[in-house]
Amino acid sequence: MAVLMSHTIVSPTCPYITYLSGAGGLSWKQFTVAAIPGAVIWTAAYLGLGVIFAAQLEQVISVLSNFFGVVLAGCALLGLGVLLRKRWREQNQTH
């Protein structure tokens, strides 16, 4: 079950589950029987999402660009705040 889940919902854990399965003595046959359906489910899910969102690609791009614009502006604001605080402390230490 862990191999199937690692090839679908929790795919970032896939390499670790694979190594642990081998270290735990899971046979190639058992691993393959669980991994292939997991890979098929994951691929079908990605294809399904692509079909669903292909018509709305421009909207998705707009939302993502707005999001990353806000993130970049926030990073710039944070960086300027840190710089201003550092300069303010330096100025107050000399007086």
PDB file of N, CA and C in Angstrom:
ATOM      1  N   MET A   1       0.825  -1.184   0.000  1.00  0.00           N
ATOM      2  CA  MET A   1       0.000   0.000   0.000  1.00  0.00           C
ATOM      3  C   MET A   1       0.879   1.262   0.000  1.00  0.00           C
ATOM      4  N   ALA A   2       2.002   1.219   0.732  1.00  0.00           N
ATOM      5  CA  ALA A   2       2.891   2.386   0.794  1.00  0.00           C
ATOM      6  C   ALA A   2       3.486   2.683  -0.573  1.00  0.00           C
ATOM      7  N   VAL A   3       3.820   1.644  -1.330  1.00  0.00           N
ATOM      8  CA  VAL A   3       4.387   1.847  -2.673  1.00  0.00           C
ATOM      9  C   VAL A   3       3.340   2.475  -3.587  1.00  0.00           C
ATOM     10  N   LEU A   4       2.121   1.979  -3.544  1.00  0.00           N
ATOM     11  CA  LEU A   4       1.053   2.541  -4.364  1.00  0.00           C
ATOM     12  C   LEU A   4       0.819   4.011  -4.013  1.00  0.00           C
ATOM     13  N   MET A   5       0.724   4.322  -2.732  1.00  0.00           N
ATOM     14  CA  MET A   5       0.479   5.701  -2.302  1.00  0.00           C
ATOM     15  C   MET A   5       1.657   6.611  -2.655  1.00  0.00           C
ATOM     16  N   SER A   6       2.880   6.084  -2.565  1.00  0.00           N
ATOM     17  CA  SER A   6       4.042   6.922  -2.878  1.00  0.00           C
ATOM     18  C   SER A   6       4.143   7.223  -4.367  1.00  0.00           C
ATOM     19  N   HIS A   7       3.489   6.428  -5.187  1.00  0.00           N
ATOM     20  CA  HIS A   7       3.475   6.694  -6.630  1.00  0.00           C
ATOM     21  C   HIS A   7       2.255   7.495  -7.051  1.00  0.00           C
ATOM     22  N   THR A   8       1.412   7.876  -6.094  1.00  0.00           N
ATOM     23  CA  THR A   8       0.232   8.673  -6.421  1.00  0.00           C
ATOM     24  C   THR A   8       0.197   9.940  -5.573  1.00  0.00           C
ATOM     25  N   ILE A   9      -0.504   9.915  -4.464  1.00  0.00           N
ATOM     26  CA  ILE A   9      -0.802  11.116  -3.683  1.00  0.00           C
ATOM     27  C   ILE A   9       0.432  11.738  -3.044  1.00  0.00           C
ATOM     28  N   VAL A  10       1.287  10.958  -2.460  1.00  0.00           N
ATOM     29  CA  VAL A  10       2.468  11.482  -1.765  1.00  0.00           C
ATOM     30  C   VAL A  10       3.732  11.200  -2.579  1.00  0.00           C
ATOM     31  N   SER A  11       3.717  11.614  -3.834  1.00  0.00           N
ATOM     32  CA  SER A  11       4.812  11.293  -4.754  1.00  0.00           C
ATOM     33  C   SER A  11       6.179  11.826  -4.339  1.00  0.00           C
ATOM     34  N   PRO A  12       6.308  12.910  -3.574  1.00  0.00           N
ATOM     35  CA  PRO A  12       7.656  13.306  -3.160  1.00  0.00           C
ATOM     36  C   PRO A  12       8.362  12.261  -2.289  1.00  0.00           C
ATOM     37  N   THR A  13       7.592  11.361  -1.680  1.00  0.00           N
ATOM     38  CA  THR A  13       8.205  10.319  -0.859  1.00  0.00           C
ATOM     39  C   THR A  13       8.590   9.085  -1.665  1.00  0.00           C
ATOM     40  N   CYS A  14       8.311   9.094  -2.952  1.00  0.00           N
ATOM     41  CA  CYS A  14       8.530   7.913  -3.791  1.00  0.00           C
ATOM     42  C   CYS A  14       9.957   7.353  -3.720  1.00  0.00           C
ATOM     43  N   PRO A  15      10.998   8.170  -3.883  1.00  0.00           N
ATOM     44  CA  PRO A  15      12.350   7.593  -3.825  1.00  0.00           C
ATOM     45  C   PRO A  15      12.653   6.943  -2.476  1.00  0.00           C
ATOM     46  N   TYR A  16      12.184   7.544  -1.403  1.00  0.00           N
ATOM     47  CA  TYR A  16      12.475   7.006  -0.079  1.00  0.00           C
ATOM     48  C   TYR A  16      11.721   5.710   0.171  1.00  0.00           C
ATOM     49  N   ILE A  17      10.462   5.673  -0.246  1.00  0.00           N
ATOM     50  CA  ILE A  17       9.678   4.450  -0.091  1.00  0.00           C
ATOM     51  C   ILE A  17      10.287   3.334  -0.935  1.00  0.00           C
ATOM     52  N   THR A  18      10.778   3.682  -2.107  1.00  0.00           N
ATOM     53  CA  THR A  18      11.407   2.695  -2.971  1.00  0.00           C
ATOM     54  C   THR A  18      12.615   2.075  -2.287  1.00  0.00           C
ATOM     55  N   TYR A  19      13.486   2.910  -1.726  1.00  0.00           N
ATOM     56  CA  TYR A  19      14.667   2.394  -1.027  1.00  0.00           C
ATOM     57  C   TYR A  19      14.276   1.572   0.197  1.00  0.00           C
ATOM     58  N   LEU A  20      13.306   2.068   0.948  1.00  0.00           N
ATOM     59  CA  LEU A  20      12.869   1.346   2.136  1.00  0.00           C
ATOM     60  C   LEU A  20      12.208   0.015   1.781  1.00  0.00           C
ATOM     61  N   SER A  21      11.512  -0.025   0.650  1.00  0.00           N
ATOM     62  CA  SER A  21      10.890  -1.276   0.214  1.00  0.00           C
ATOM     63  C   SER A  21      11.949  -2.320  -0.106  1.00  0.00           C
ATOM     64  N   GLY A  22      12.982  -1.883  -0.801  1.00  0.00           N
ATOM     65  CA  GLY A  22      14.080  -2.805  -1.110  1.00  0.00           C
ATOM     66  C   GLY A  22      14.811  -3.254   0.140  1.00  0.00           C
ATOM     67  N   ALA A  23      15.071  -2.310   1.039  1.00  0.00           N
ATOM     68  CA  ALA A  23      15.767  -2.651   2.283  1.00  0.00           C
ATOM     69  C   ALA A  23      14.900  -3.540   3.169  1.00  0.00           C
ATOM     70  N   GLY A  24      13.591  -3.393   3.064  1.00  0.00           N
ATOM     71  CA  GLY A  24      12.677  -4.198   3.864  1.00  0.00           C
ATOM     72  C   GLY A  24      12.406  -5.575   3.306  1.00  0.00           C
ATOM     73  N   GLY A  25      12.945  -5.857   2.139  1.00  0.00           N
ATOM     74  CA  GLY A  25      12.799  -7.186   1.574  1.00  0.00           C
ATOM     75  C   GLY A  25      11.611  -7.368   0.651  1.00  0.00           C
ATOM     76  N   LEU A  26      10.992  -6.280   0.198  1.00  0.00           N
ATOM     77  CA  LEU A  26       9.873  -6.399  -0.734  1.00  0.00           C
ATOM     78  C   LEU A  26      10.412  -6.907  -2.073  1.00  0.00           C
ATOM     79  N   SER A  27       9.780  -7.924  -2.621  1.00  0.00           N
ATOM     80  CA  SER A  27      10.269  -8.501  -3.878  1.00  0.00           C
ATOM     81  C   SER A  27       9.979  -7.569  -5.048  1.00  0.00           C
ATOM     82  N   TRP A  28      10.725  -7.768  -6.149  1.00  0.00           N
ATOM     83  CA  TRP A  28      10.519  -6.966  -7.361  1.00  0.00           C
ATOM     84  C   TRP A  28       9.092  -7.117  -7.866  1.00  0.00           C
ATOM     85  N   LYS A  29       8.572  -8.339  -7.805  1.00  0.00           N
ATOM     86  CA  LYS A  29       7.225  -8.598  -8.311  1.00  0.00           C
ATOM     87  C   LYS A  29       6.190  -7.823  -7.492  1.00  0.00           C
ATOM     88  N   GLN A  30       6.284  -7.877  -6.172  1.00  0.00           N
ATOM     89  CA  GLN A  30       5.335  -7.161  -5.324  1.00  0.00           C
ATOM     90  C   GLN A  30       5.454  -5.648  -5.534  1.00  0.00           C
ATOM     91  N   PHE A  31       6.685  -5.172  -5.647  1.00  0.00           N
ATOM     92  CA  PHE A  31       6.909  -3.744  -5.868  1.00  0.00           C
ATOM     93  C   PHE A  31       6.289  -3.302  -7.187  1.00  0.00           C
ATOM     94  N   THR A  32       6.524  -4.067  -8.247  1.00  0.00           N
ATOM     95  CA  THR A  32       6.021  -3.716  -9.572  1.00  0.00           C
ATOM     96  C   THR A  32       4.498  -3.760  -9.620  1.00  0.00           C
ATOM     97  N   VAL A  33       3.905  -4.747  -8.964  1.00  0.00           N
ATOM     98  CA  VAL A  33       2.444  -4.870  -8.937  1.00  0.00           C
ATOM     99  C   VAL A  33       1.813  -3.643  -8.264  1.00  0.00           C
ATOM    100  N   ALA A  34       2.494  -3.047  -7.308  1.00  0.00           N
ATOM    101  CA  ALA A  34       1.967  -1.852  -6.642  1.00  0.00           C
ATOM    102  C   ALA A  34       2.369  -0.569  -7.359  1.00  0.00           C
ATOM    103  N   ALA A  35       3.573  -0.537  -7.947  1.00  0.00           N
ATOM    104  CA  ALA A  35       4.093   0.696  -8.539  1.00  0.00           C
ATOM    105  C   ALA A  35       3.425   1.041  -9.875  1.00  0.00           C
ATOM    106  N   ILE A  36       3.153   0.054 -10.697  1.00  0.00           N
ATOM    107  CA  ILE A  36       2.572   0.331 -12.021  1.00  0.00           C
ATOM    108  C   ILE A  36       1.174   0.949 -11.907  1.00  0.00           C
ATOM    109  N   PRO A  37       0.263   0.390 -11.116  1.00  0.00           N
ATOM    110  CA  PRO A  37      -1.037   1.064 -10.986  1.00  0.00           C
ATOM    111  C   PRO A  37      -0.901   2.476 -10.393  1.00  0.00           C
ATOM    112  N   GLY A  38       0.025   2.650  -9.461  1.00  0.00           N
ATOM    113  CA  GLY A  38       0.241   3.976  -8.894  1.00  0.00           C
ATOM    114  C   GLY A  38       0.696   4.968  -9.944  1.00  0.00           C
ATOM    115  N   ALA A  39       1.623   4.535 -10.800  1.00  0.00           N
ATOM    116  CA  ALA A  39       2.102   5.414 -11.873  1.00  0.00           C
ATOM    117  C   ALA A  39       0.990   5.718 -12.873  1.00  0.00           C
ATOM    118  N   VAL A  40       0.163   4.740 -13.168  1.00  0.00           N
ATOM    119  CA  VAL A  40      -0.954   4.950 -14.096  1.00  0.00           C
ATOM    120  C   VAL A  40      -1.965   5.938 -13.504  1.00  0.00           C
ATOM    121  N   ILE A  41      -2.282   5.767 -12.229  1.00  0.00           N
ATOM    122  CA  ILE A  41      -3.225   6.683 -11.569  1.00  0.00           C
ATOM    123  C   ILE A  41      -2.671   8.104 -11.565  1.00  0.00           C
ATOM    124  N   TRP A  42      -1.398   8.262 -11.218  1.00  0.00           N
ATOM    125  CA  TRP A  42      -0.770   9.579 -11.160  1.00  0.00           C
ATOM    126  C   TRP A  42      -0.747  10.239 -12.537  1.00  0.00           C
ATOM    127  N   THR A  43      -0.394   9.473 -13.561  1.00  0.00           N
ATOM    128  CA  THR A  43      -0.359  10.003 -14.920  1.00  0.00           C
ATOM    129  C   THR A  43      -1.748  10.400 -15.390  1.00  0.00           C
ATOM    130  N   ALA A  44      -2.732   9.561 -15.109  1.00  0.00           N
ATOM    131  CA  ALA A  44      -4.110   9.877 -15.499  1.00  0.00           C
ATOM    132  C   ALA A  44      -4.597  11.134 -14.785  1.00  0.00           C
ATOM    133  N   ALA A  45      -4.222  11.299 -13.525  1.00  0.00           N
ATOM    134  CA  ALA A  45      -4.633  12.492 -12.778  1.00  0.00           C
ATOM    135  C   ALA A  45      -4.022  13.747 -13.397  1.00  0.00           C
ATOM    136  N   TYR A  46      -2.729  13.692 -13.746  1.00  0.00           N
ATOM    137  CA  TYR A  46      -2.092  14.846 -14.377  1.00  0.00           C
ATOM    138  C   TYR A  46      -2.710  15.158 -15.735  1.00  0.00           C
ATOM    139  N   LEU A  47      -2.965  14.126 -16.513  1.00  0.00           N
ATOM    140  CA  LEU A  47      -3.603  14.343 -17.811  1.00  0.00           C
ATOM    141  C   LEU A  47      -4.999  14.931 -17.647  1.00  0.00           C
ATOM    142  N   GLY A  48      -5.735  14.416 -16.667  1.00  0.00           N
ATOM    143  CA  GLY A  48      -7.073  14.942 -16.408  1.00  0.00           C
ATOM    144  C   GLY A  48      -7.038  16.407 -16.015  1.00  0.00           C
ATOM    145  N   LEU A  49      -6.088  16.782 -15.152  1.00  0.00           N
ATOM    146  CA  LEU A  49      -5.954  18.187 -14.772  1.00  0.00           C
ATOM    147  C   LEU A  49      -5.577  19.044 -15.970  1.00  0.00           C
ATOM    148  N   GLY A  50      -4.732  18.507 -16.839  1.00  0.00           N
ATOM    149  CA  GLY A  50      -4.358  19.243 -18.047  1.00  0.00           C
ATOM    150  C   GLY A  50      -5.546  19.485 -18.954  1.00  0.00           C
ATOM    151  N   VAL A  51      -6.382  18.475 -19.106  1.00  0.00           N
ATOM    152  CA  VAL A  51      -7.573  18.620 -19.950  1.00  0.00           C
ATOM    153  C   VAL A  51      -8.539  19.629 -19.332  1.00  0.00           C
ATOM    154  N   ILE A  52      -8.714  19.555 -18.015  1.00  0.00           N
ATOM    155  CA  ILE A  52      -9.648  20.463 -17.337  1.00  0.00           C
ATOM    156  C   ILE A  52      -9.178  21.907 -17.422  1.00  0.00           C
ATOM    157  N   PHE A  53      -7.886  22.145 -17.169  1.00  0.00           N
ATOM    158  CA  PHE A  53      -7.398  23.510 -17.079  1.00  0.00           C
ATOM    159  C   PHE A  53      -6.840  24.063 -18.389  1.00  0.00           C
ATOM    160  N   ALA A  54      -6.788  23.276 -19.451  1.00  0.00           N
ATOM    161  CA  ALA A  54      -6.249  23.760 -20.722  1.00  0.00           C
ATOM    162  C   ALA A  54      -7.076  24.919 -21.269  1.00  0.00           C
ATOM    163  N   ALA A  55      -8.367  24.842 -21.100  1.00  0.00           N
ATOM    164  CA  ALA A  55      -9.232  25.908 -21.605  1.00  0.00           C
ATOM    165  C   ALA A  55      -9.081  27.182 -20.787  1.00  0.00           C
ATOM    166  N   GLN A  56      -8.598  27.058 -19.568  1.00  0.00           N
ATOM    167  CA  GLN A  56      -8.468  28.212 -18.683  1.00  0.00           C
ATOM    168  C   GLN A  56      -6.998  28.584 -18.468  1.00  0.00           C
ATOM    169  N   LEU A  57      -6.151  28.227 -19.408  1.00  0.00           N
ATOM    170  CA  LEU A  57      -4.717  28.441 -19.256  1.00  0.00           C
ATOM    171  C   LEU A  57      -4.365  29.916 -19.086  1.00  0.00           C
ATOM    172  N   GLU A  58      -5.006  30.781 -19.823  1.00  0.00           N
ATOM    173  CA  GLU A  58      -4.714  32.210 -19.708  1.00  0.00           C
ATOM    174  C   GLU A  58      -5.061  32.727 -18.310  1.00  0.00           C
ATOM    175  N   GLN A  59      -6.156  32.251 -17.756  1.00  0.00           N
ATOM    176  CA  GLN A  59      -6.542  32.673 -16.409  1.00  0.00           C
ATOM    177  C   GLN A  59      -5.555  32.143 -15.372  1.00  0.00           C
ATOM    178  N   VAL A  60      -5.121  30.902 -15.541  1.00  0.00           N
ATOM    179  CA  VAL A  60      -4.153  30.316 -14.607  1.00  0.00           C
ATOM    180  C   VAL A  60      -2.839  31.090 -14.665  1.00  0.00           C
ATOM    181  N   ILE A  61      -2.387  31.426 -15.866  1.00  0.00           N
ATOM    182  CA  ILE A  61      -1.149  32.194 -16.025  1.00  0.00           C
ATOM    183  C   ILE A  61      -1.297  33.564 -15.370  1.00  0.00           C
ATOM    184  N   SER A  62      -2.437  34.195 -15.536  1.00  0.00           N
ATOM    185  CA  SER A  62      -2.680  35.501 -14.929  1.00  0.00           C
ATOM    186  C   SER A  62      -2.634  35.419 -13.407  1.00  0.00           C
ATOM    187  N   VAL A  63      -3.265  34.416 -12.851  1.00  0.00           N
ATOM    188  CA  VAL A  63      -3.275  34.251 -11.391  1.00  0.00           C
ATOM    189  C   VAL A  63      -1.860  33.989 -10.882  1.00  0.00           C
ATOM    190  N   LEU A  64      -1.125  33.107 -11.565  1.00  0.00           N
ATOM    191  CA  LEU A  64       0.246  32.805 -11.138  1.00  0.00           C
ATOM    192  C   LEU A  64       1.152  34.019 -11.244  1.00  0.00           C
ATOM    193  N   SER A  65       1.028  34.787 -12.315  1.00  0.00           N
ATOM    194  CA  SER A  65       1.887  35.963 -12.462  1.00  0.00           C
ATOM    195  C   SER A  65       1.553  36.998 -11.394  1.00  0.00           C
ATOM    196  N   ASN A  66       0.275  37.169 -11.078  1.00  0.00           N
ATOM    197  CA  ASN A  66      -0.106  38.083  -9.998  1.00  0.00           C
ATOM    198  C   ASN A  66       0.440  37.601  -8.657  1.00  0.00           C
ATOM    199  N   PHE A  67       0.351  36.313  -8.417  1.00  0.00           N
ATOM    200  CA  PHE A  67       0.855  35.743  -7.165  1.00  0.00           C
ATOM    201  C   PHE A  67       2.356  35.976  -7.031  1.00  0.00           C
ATOM    202  N   PHE A  68       3.106  35.654  -8.090  1.00  0.00           N
ATOM    203  CA  PHE A  68       4.554  35.825  -8.008  1.00  0.00           C
ATOM    204  C   PHE A  68       4.942  37.305  -7.954  1.00  0.00           C
ATOM    205  N   GLY A  69       4.140  38.166  -8.544  1.00  0.00           N
ATOM    206  CA  GLY A  69       4.379  39.599  -8.420  1.00  0.00           C
ATOM    207  C   GLY A  69       4.243  40.053  -6.981  1.00  0.00           C
ATOM    208  N   VAL A  70       3.221  39.548  -6.298  1.00  0.00           N
ATOM    209  CA  VAL A  70       3.021  39.891  -4.892  1.00  0.00           C
ATOM    210  C   VAL A  70       4.160  39.330  -4.043  1.00  0.00           C
ATOM    211  N   VAL A  71       4.577  38.108  -4.335  1.00  0.00           N
ATOM    212  CA  VAL A  71       5.685  37.502  -3.583  1.00  0.00           C
ATOM    213  C   VAL A  71       6.968  38.315  -3.777  1.00  0.00           C
ATOM    214  N   LEU A  72       7.278  38.681  -5.011  1.00  0.00           N
ATOM    215  CA  LEU A  72       8.479  39.476  -5.268  1.00  0.00           C
ATOM    216  C   LEU A  72       8.403  40.846  -4.606  1.00  0.00           C
ATOM    217  N   ALA A  73       7.249  41.483  -4.652  1.00  0.00           N
ATOM    218  CA  ALA A  73       7.083  42.779  -3.994  1.00  0.00           C
ATOM    219  C   ALA A  73       7.257  42.632  -2.481  1.00  0.00           C
ATOM    220  N   GLY A  74       6.731  41.570  -1.916  1.00  0.00           N
ATOM    221  CA  GLY A  74       6.891  41.312  -0.481  1.00  0.00           C
ATOM    222  C   GLY A  74       8.345  41.095  -0.105  1.00  0.00           C
ATOM    223  N   CYS A  75       9.078  40.360  -0.945  1.00  0.00           N
ATOM    224  CA  CYS A  75      10.509  40.134  -0.691  1.00  0.00           C
ATOM    225  C   CYS A  75      11.280  41.448  -0.769  1.00  0.00           C
ATOM    226  N   ALA A  76      10.956  42.275  -1.760  1.00  0.00           N
ATOM    227  CA  ALA A  76      11.622  43.572  -1.890  1.00  0.00           C
ATOM    228  C   ALA A  76      11.311  44.437  -0.676  1.00  0.00           C
ATOM    229  N   LEU A  77      10.064  44.445  -0.218  1.00  0.00           N
ATOM    230  CA  LEU A  77       9.675  45.222   0.949  1.00  0.00           C
ATOM    231  C   LEU A  77      10.407  44.741   2.192  1.00  0.00           C
ATOM    232  N   LEU A  78      10.486  43.442   2.368  1.00  0.00           N
ATOM    233  CA  LEU A  78      11.189  42.872   3.508  1.00  0.00           C
ATOM    234  C   LEU A  78      12.674  43.238   3.464  1.00  0.00           C
ATOM    235  N   GLY A  79      13.284  43.106   2.288  1.00  0.00           N
ATOM    236  CA  GLY A  79      14.700  43.449   2.144  1.00  0.00           C
ATOM    237  C   GLY A  79      14.964  44.917   2.444  1.00  0.00           C
ATOM    238  N   LEU A  80      14.116  45.796   1.937  1.00  0.00           N
ATOM    239  CA  LEU A  80      14.279  47.227   2.208  1.00  0.00           C
ATOM    240  C   LEU A  80      14.057  47.532   3.684  1.00  0.00           C
ATOM    241  N   GLY A  81      13.116  46.843   4.310  1.00  0.00           N
ATOM    242  CA  GLY A  81      12.883  47.038   5.745  1.00  0.00           C
ATOM    243  C   GLY A  81      14.098  46.635   6.567  1.00  0.00           C
ATOM    244  N   VAL A  82      14.709  45.511   6.224  1.00  0.00           N
ATOM    245  CA  VAL A  82      15.920  45.064   6.921  1.00  0.00           C
ATOM    246  C   VAL A  82      17.048  46.060   6.708  1.00  0.00           C
ATOM    247  N   LEU A  83      17.213  46.533   5.465  1.00  0.00           N
ATOM    248  CA  LEU A  83      18.261  47.512   5.166  1.00  0.00           C
ATOM    249  C   LEU A  83      18.038  48.817   5.928  1.00  0.00           C
ATOM    250  N   LEU A  84      16.813  49.310   5.944  1.00  0.00           N
ATOM    251  CA  LEU A  84      16.513  50.545   6.675  1.00  0.00           C
ATOM    252  C   LEU A  84      16.757  50.383   8.174  1.00  0.00           C
ATOM    253  N   ARG A  85      16.382  49.257   8.728  1.00  0.00           N
ATOM    254  CA  ARG A  85      16.608  49.019  10.160  1.00  0.00           C
ATOM    255  C   ARG A  85      18.098  48.964  10.470  1.00  0.00           C
ATOM    256  N   LYS A  86      18.867  48.323   9.607  1.00  0.00           N
ATOM    257  CA  LYS A  86      20.311  48.244   9.804  1.00  0.00           C
ATOM    258  C   LYS A  86      20.930  49.637   9.760  1.00  0.00           C
ATOM    259  N   ARG A  87      20.544  50.435   8.768  1.00  0.00           N
ATOM    260  CA  ARG A  87      21.076  51.796   8.653  1.00  0.00           C
ATOM    261  C   ARG A  87      20.652  52.656   9.843  1.00  0.00           C
ATOM    262  N   TRP A  88      19.406  52.489  10.308  1.00  0.00           N
ATOM    263  CA  TRP A  88      18.917  53.253  11.445  1.00  0.00           C
ATOM    264  C   TRP A  88      19.713  52.911  12.703  1.00  0.00           C
ATOM    265  N   ARG A  89      19.998  51.610  12.905  1.00  0.00           N
ATOM    266  CA  ARG A  89      20.794  51.190  14.066  1.00  0.00           C
ATOM    267  C   ARG A  89      22.215  51.732  13.990  1.00  0.00           C
ATOM    268  N   GLU A  90      22.812  51.674  12.784  1.00  0.00           N
ATOM    269  CA  GLU A  90      24.167  52.213  12.615  1.00  0.00           C
ATOM    270  C   GLU A  90      24.206  53.701  12.921  1.00  0.00           C
ATOM    271  N   GLN A  91      23.202  54.432  12.487  1.00  0.00           N
ATOM    272  CA  GLN A  91      23.158  55.868  12.710  1.00  0.00           C
ATOM    273  C   GLN A  91      22.960  56.181  14.190  1.00  0.00           C
ATOM    274  N   ASN A  92      22.143  55.419  14.902  1.00  0.00           N
ATOM    275  CA  ASN A  92      21.890  55.662  16.311  1.00  0.00           C
ATOM    276  C   ASN A  92      23.061  55.237  17.186  1.00  0.00           C
ATOM    277  N   GLN A  93      23.890  54.312  16.738  1.00  0.00           N
ATOM    278  CA  GLN A  93      25.046  53.881  17.521  1.00  0.00           C
ATOM    279  C   GLN A  93      26.160  54.920  17.488  1.00  0.00           C
ATOM    280  N   THR A  94      26.255  55.681  16.410  1.00  0.00           N
ATOM    281  CA  THR A  94      27.310  56.674  16.287  1.00  0.00           C
ATOM    282  C   THR A  94      26.979  57.948  17.075  1.00  0.00           C
ATOM    283  N   HIS A  95      25.735  58.148  17.453  1.00  0.00           N
ATOM    284  CA  HIS A  95      25.350  59.358  18.188  1.00  0.00           C
ATOM    285  C   HIS A  95      25.323  59.110  19.651  1.00  0.00           C
TER     286      HIS A  95
END
